[in-house]
Amino acid sequence: NYVIKLYTINKDNTRIPYDLTGPWKYKLVFPSVTGGTIDIFANMDNDKTNYGNGSLSFYISKDSAGAIMSVPASERYFSLMIDNDANNSVIYEGRVEWKA
């Protein structure tokens, strides 16, 4: 499981956990070599996921990791998104790198 914790910074430069509560689902989206996407949804069966304190946990299988890493490094990114029928909003985007 990979845990992502989201925070906001207040005027006193203090990190405040970002409240993710609501009727939404969250997912990580990665590009695939076929031109589609690899969607990985937050793992709700894990005690590390806590919407109230901005913590999301994602299980990335060996097969999914291989598919993610098979994308050329220049195109290897991810988006953390709200998944809902009316709108798929991006919360955060970043690059995926291999660290040995």
N, C-alpha and C. Protein backbone atom coordinates (compact mmCIF):
# COMPACT_ATOMS: atom_id res chain seq x y z
N ASN A 1 0.84 -1.19 0.00
CA ASN A 1 0.00 0.00 0.00
C ASN A 1 0.88 1.25 0.00
N TYR A 2 0.48 2.21 -0.79
CA TYR A 2 1.14 3.51 -0.84
C TYR A 2 0.19 4.53 -0.23
N VAL A 3 0.68 5.33 0.71
CA VAL A 3 -0.16 6.29 1.41
C VAL A 3 0.19 7.69 0.93
N ILE A 4 -0.84 8.44 0.61
CA ILE A 4 -0.70 9.86 0.25
C ILE A 4 -1.45 10.65 1.31
N LYS A 5 -0.77 11.63 1.90
CA LYS A 5 -1.41 12.52 2.88
C LYS A 5 -1.43 13.93 2.30
N LEU A 6 -2.60 14.53 2.29
CA LEU A 6 -2.77 15.88 1.76
C LEU A 6 -2.96 16.87 2.89
N TYR A 7 -2.30 18.02 2.75
CA TYR A 7 -2.37 19.08 3.75
C TYR A 7 -2.60 20.42 3.06
N THR A 8 -3.12 21.37 3.82
CA THR A 8 -3.10 22.77 3.41
C THR A 8 -2.16 23.47 4.40
N ILE A 9 -1.67 24.63 4.00
CA ILE A 9 -0.79 25.42 4.86
C ILE A 9 -1.57 26.68 5.28
N ASN A 10 -1.67 26.91 6.58
CA ASN A 10 -2.39 28.10 7.03
C ASN A 10 -1.46 29.32 7.04
N LYS A 11 -1.99 30.46 7.44
CA LYS A 11 -1.22 31.71 7.41
C LYS A 11 -0.02 31.68 8.35
N ASP A 12 -0.03 30.78 9.36
CA ASP A 12 1.09 30.64 10.29
C ASP A 12 2.09 29.59 9.82
N ASN A 13 1.93 29.15 8.55
CA ASN A 13 2.80 28.14 7.94
C ASN A 13 2.73 26.78 8.66
N THR A 14 1.53 26.47 9.17
CA THR A 14 1.29 25.19 9.83
C THR A 14 0.52 24.27 8.88
N ARG A 15 0.94 23.02 8.81
CA ARG A 15 0.23 22.05 7.96
C ARG A 15 -1.05 21.60 8.64
N ILE A 16 -2.16 21.70 7.92
CA ILE A 16 -3.47 21.28 8.39
C ILE A 16 -3.93 20.14 7.49
N PRO A 17 -4.27 18.96 8.06
CA PRO A 17 -4.74 17.86 7.21
C PRO A 17 -5.94 18.30 6.36
N TYR A 18 -5.91 17.93 5.10
CA TYR A 18 -6.95 18.29 4.15
C TYR A 18 -8.14 17.37 4.33
N ASP A 19 -9.32 17.91 4.54
CA ASP A 19 -10.54 17.12 4.76
C ASP A 19 -11.06 16.62 3.42
N LEU A 20 -11.05 15.31 3.22
CA LEU A 20 -11.51 14.69 1.97
C LEU A 20 -12.89 14.06 2.12
N THR A 21 -13.56 14.29 3.26
CA THR A 21 -14.86 13.66 3.47
C THR A 21 -15.88 14.18 2.46
N GLY A 22 -16.79 13.33 2.12
CA GLY A 22 -17.83 13.66 1.15
C GLY A 22 -18.24 12.41 0.40
N PRO A 23 -19.09 12.55 -0.57
CA PRO A 23 -19.63 11.38 -1.28
C PRO A 23 -18.74 10.91 -2.43
N TRP A 24 -17.44 11.21 -2.40
CA TRP A 24 -16.57 10.93 -3.53
C TRP A 24 -15.72 9.69 -3.34
N LYS A 25 -15.23 9.20 -4.46
CA LYS A 25 -14.20 8.17 -4.50
C LYS A 25 -12.95 8.83 -5.03
N TYR A 26 -11.81 8.31 -4.65
CA TYR A 26 -10.54 8.86 -5.10
C TYR A 26 -9.77 7.80 -5.86
N LYS A 27 -9.01 8.25 -6.86
CA LYS A 27 -8.22 7.31 -7.65
C LYS A 27 -6.93 7.96 -8.11
N LEU A 28 -5.92 7.10 -8.34
CA LEU A 28 -4.70 7.50 -9.01
C LEU A 28 -4.85 7.09 -10.46
N VAL A 29 -4.47 7.96 -11.37
CA VAL A 29 -4.57 7.68 -12.80
C VAL A 29 -3.18 7.83 -13.42
N PHE A 30 -2.76 6.79 -14.12
CA PHE A 30 -1.47 6.76 -14.80
C PHE A 30 -1.71 6.52 -16.28
N PRO A 31 -0.88 7.07 -17.16
CA PRO A 31 -1.01 6.74 -18.59
C PRO A 31 -0.50 5.31 -18.82
N SER A 32 -1.03 4.67 -19.86
CA SER A 32 -0.53 3.34 -20.22
C SER A 32 0.11 3.41 -21.61
N VAL A 33 0.89 2.40 -21.94
CA VAL A 33 1.55 2.38 -23.25
C VAL A 33 0.55 2.18 -24.38
N THR A 34 -0.66 1.73 -24.07
CA THR A 34 -1.68 1.51 -25.10
C THR A 34 -2.47 2.78 -25.43
N GLY A 35 -2.19 3.85 -24.69
CA GLY A 35 -2.91 5.11 -24.91
C GLY A 35 -4.07 5.32 -23.96
N GLY A 36 -4.42 4.31 -23.19
CA GLY A 36 -5.47 4.44 -22.19
C GLY A 36 -4.90 4.88 -20.85
N THR A 37 -5.57 4.50 -19.80
CA THR A 37 -5.10 4.84 -18.46
C THR A 37 -5.13 3.61 -17.57
N ILE A 38 -4.35 3.67 -16.52
CA ILE A 38 -4.36 2.69 -15.44
C ILE A 38 -4.96 3.41 -14.24
N ASP A 39 -6.14 2.98 -13.81
CA ASP A 39 -6.85 3.62 -12.70
C ASP A 39 -6.74 2.73 -11.47
N ILE A 40 -6.28 3.31 -10.36
CA ILE A 40 -6.15 2.58 -9.11
C ILE A 40 -6.93 3.35 -8.05
N PHE A 41 -7.94 2.69 -7.49
CA PHE A 41 -8.82 3.36 -6.53
C PHE A 41 -8.28 3.22 -5.11
N ALA A 42 -8.62 4.21 -4.28
CA ALA A 42 -8.19 4.20 -2.87
C ALA A 42 -8.68 2.92 -2.21
N ASN A 43 -7.81 2.36 -1.38
CA ASN A 43 -8.07 1.12 -0.67
C ASN A 43 -8.82 1.44 0.62
N MET A 44 -10.12 1.21 0.61
CA MET A 44 -10.93 1.54 1.79
C MET A 44 -10.85 0.47 2.88
N ASP A 45 -10.25 -0.69 2.57
CA ASP A 45 -10.13 -1.77 3.55
C ASP A 45 -8.85 -1.64 4.37
N ASN A 46 -8.17 -0.53 4.25
CA ASN A 46 -6.90 -0.34 4.92
C ASN A 46 -7.06 0.72 6.00
N ASP A 47 -6.48 0.50 7.17
CA ASP A 47 -6.62 1.47 8.25
C ASP A 47 -5.82 2.74 8.03
N LYS A 48 -5.01 2.80 6.98
CA LYS A 48 -4.25 3.99 6.64
C LYS A 48 -5.10 5.03 5.90
N THR A 49 -6.23 4.60 5.30
CA THR A 49 -7.12 5.53 4.61
C THR A 49 -8.02 6.19 5.64
N ASN A 50 -7.97 7.51 5.69
CA ASN A 50 -8.80 8.28 6.60
C ASN A 50 -9.13 9.61 5.92
N TYR A 51 -10.31 9.70 5.33
CA TYR A 51 -10.70 10.91 4.60
C TYR A 51 -10.65 12.15 5.47
N GLY A 52 -10.99 12.02 6.74
CA GLY A 52 -11.02 13.18 7.63
C GLY A 52 -9.67 13.82 7.86
N ASN A 53 -8.60 13.00 7.82
CA ASN A 53 -7.28 13.59 8.03
C ASN A 53 -6.44 13.62 6.75
N GLY A 54 -7.10 13.50 5.60
CA GLY A 54 -6.41 13.67 4.32
C GLY A 54 -5.54 12.51 3.89
N SER A 55 -5.75 11.31 4.45
CA SER A 55 -4.92 10.15 4.13
C SER A 55 -5.64 9.19 3.19
N LEU A 56 -4.98 8.87 2.10
CA LEU A 56 -5.49 7.91 1.13
C LEU A 56 -4.45 6.81 0.94
N SER A 57 -4.89 5.58 0.90
CA SER A 57 -4.01 4.44 0.70
C SER A 57 -4.37 3.75 -0.61
N PHE A 58 -3.35 3.40 -1.38
CA PHE A 58 -3.56 2.75 -2.67
C PHE A 58 -2.71 1.49 -2.73
N TYR A 59 -3.31 0.38 -3.14
CA TYR A 59 -2.56 -0.85 -3.37
C TYR A 59 -2.21 -0.91 -4.84
N ILE A 60 -0.93 -0.94 -5.15
CA ILE A 60 -0.48 -1.04 -6.54
C ILE A 60 0.16 -2.42 -6.69
N SER A 61 -0.49 -3.27 -7.48
CA SER A 61 -0.01 -4.64 -7.67
C SER A 61 1.28 -4.65 -8.49
N LYS A 62 1.96 -5.77 -8.47
CA LYS A 62 3.18 -5.94 -9.25
C LYS A 62 2.89 -5.74 -10.75
N ASP A 63 1.76 -6.28 -11.22
CA ASP A 63 1.40 -6.11 -12.63
C ASP A 63 1.12 -4.66 -12.99
N SER A 64 0.39 -3.95 -12.11
CA SER A 64 0.12 -2.53 -12.36
C SER A 64 1.40 -1.71 -12.32
N ALA A 65 2.29 -2.01 -11.36
CA ALA A 65 3.57 -1.29 -11.28
C ALA A 65 4.38 -1.50 -12.55
N GLY A 66 4.39 -2.73 -13.06
CA GLY A 66 5.10 -3.02 -14.30
C GLY A 66 4.53 -2.24 -15.47
N ALA A 67 3.20 -2.16 -15.53
CA ALA A 67 2.55 -1.41 -16.61
C ALA A 67 2.85 0.08 -16.50
N ILE A 68 2.86 0.60 -15.28
CA ILE A 68 3.16 2.02 -15.06
C ILE A 68 4.60 2.32 -15.48
N MET A 69 5.53 1.46 -15.08
CA MET A 69 6.94 1.70 -15.37
C MET A 69 7.31 1.40 -16.82
N SER A 70 6.43 0.75 -17.58
CA SER A 70 6.72 0.49 -18.99
C SER A 70 6.47 1.71 -19.87
N VAL A 71 5.82 2.71 -19.33
CA VAL A 71 5.61 3.97 -20.05
C VAL A 71 6.93 4.73 -20.08
N PRO A 72 7.31 5.33 -21.21
CA PRO A 72 8.57 6.09 -21.25
C PRO A 72 8.63 7.14 -20.14
N ALA A 73 9.80 7.30 -19.55
CA ALA A 73 9.98 8.20 -18.40
C ALA A 73 9.47 9.61 -18.68
N SER A 74 9.59 10.08 -19.91
CA SER A 74 9.14 11.44 -20.24
C SER A 74 7.63 11.59 -20.18
N GLU A 75 6.90 10.48 -20.19
CA GLU A 75 5.43 10.50 -20.17
C GLU A 75 4.87 9.86 -18.91
N ARG A 76 5.71 9.55 -17.96
CA ARG A 76 5.30 8.82 -16.77
C ARG A 76 4.88 9.80 -15.67
N TYR A 77 3.59 10.03 -15.55
CA TYR A 77 3.04 10.94 -14.55
C TYR A 77 1.87 10.26 -13.86
N PHE A 78 1.35 10.90 -12.85
CA PHE A 78 0.11 10.42 -12.22
C PHE A 78 -0.76 11.62 -11.88
N SER A 79 -2.03 11.35 -11.76
CA SER A 79 -2.99 12.34 -11.28
C SER A 79 -3.76 11.72 -10.14
N LEU A 80 -3.92 12.45 -9.05
CA LEU A 80 -4.83 12.06 -7.98
C LEU A 80 -6.13 12.76 -8.29
N MET A 81 -7.20 11.98 -8.44
CA MET A 81 -8.46 12.53 -8.92
C MET A 81 -9.63 12.15 -8.03
N ILE A 82 -10.63 13.02 -8.03
CA ILE A 82 -11.95 12.67 -7.50
C ILE A 82 -12.67 11.97 -8.63
N ASP A 83 -13.19 10.79 -8.34
CA ASP A 83 -13.92 10.02 -9.34
C ASP A 83 -15.40 10.10 -9.01
N ASN A 84 -16.13 10.82 -9.84
CA ASN A 84 -17.58 10.83 -9.68
C ASN A 84 -18.20 10.93 -11.06
N ASP A 85 -19.41 10.51 -11.18
CA ASP A 85 -20.05 10.41 -12.50
C ASP A 85 -20.11 11.74 -13.24
N ALA A 86 -20.31 12.83 -12.52
CA ALA A 86 -20.49 14.12 -13.17
C ALA A 86 -19.16 14.81 -13.48
N ASN A 87 -18.13 14.50 -12.70
CA ASN A 87 -16.90 15.27 -12.85
C ASN A 87 -15.72 14.47 -12.28
N ASN A 88 -14.67 14.36 -13.05
CA ASN A 88 -13.43 13.76 -12.57
C ASN A 88 -12.43 14.89 -12.38
N SER A 89 -12.36 15.42 -11.18
CA SER A 89 -11.52 16.58 -10.89
C SER A 89 -10.13 16.15 -10.43
N VAL A 90 -9.12 16.82 -10.94
CA VAL A 90 -7.74 16.56 -10.53
C VAL A 90 -7.47 17.33 -9.24
N ILE A 91 -6.94 16.62 -8.25
CA ILE A 91 -6.54 17.24 -6.98
C ILE A 91 -5.05 17.55 -7.01
N TYR A 92 -4.26 16.62 -7.56
CA TYR A 92 -2.80 16.76 -7.55
C TYR A 92 -2.23 15.98 -8.72
N GLU A 93 -1.15 16.48 -9.29
CA GLU A 93 -0.45 15.76 -10.35
C GLU A 93 1.04 15.72 -10.03
N GLY A 94 1.69 14.66 -10.47
CA GLY A 94 3.11 14.53 -10.23
C GLY A 94 3.75 13.56 -11.21
N ARG A 95 5.07 13.43 -11.10
CA ARG A 95 5.84 12.54 -11.98
C ARG A 95 6.13 11.24 -11.22
N VAL A 96 6.28 10.16 -11.99
CA VAL A 96 6.65 8.87 -11.42
C VAL A 96 8.09 8.59 -11.82
N GLU A 97 8.93 8.36 -10.82
CA GLU A 97 10.33 8.08 -11.07
C GLU A 97 10.73 6.78 -10.37
N TRP A 98 11.73 6.14 -10.91
CA TRP A 98 12.28 4.94 -10.30
C TRP A 98 13.41 5.34 -9.38
N LYS A 99 13.32 4.97 -8.13
CA LYS A 99 14.38 5.24 -7.16
C LYS A 99 14.92 3.89 -6.71
N ALA A 100 16.18 3.64 -7.00
CA ALA A 100 16.79 2.34 -6.62
C ALA A 100 17.28 2.36 -5.20
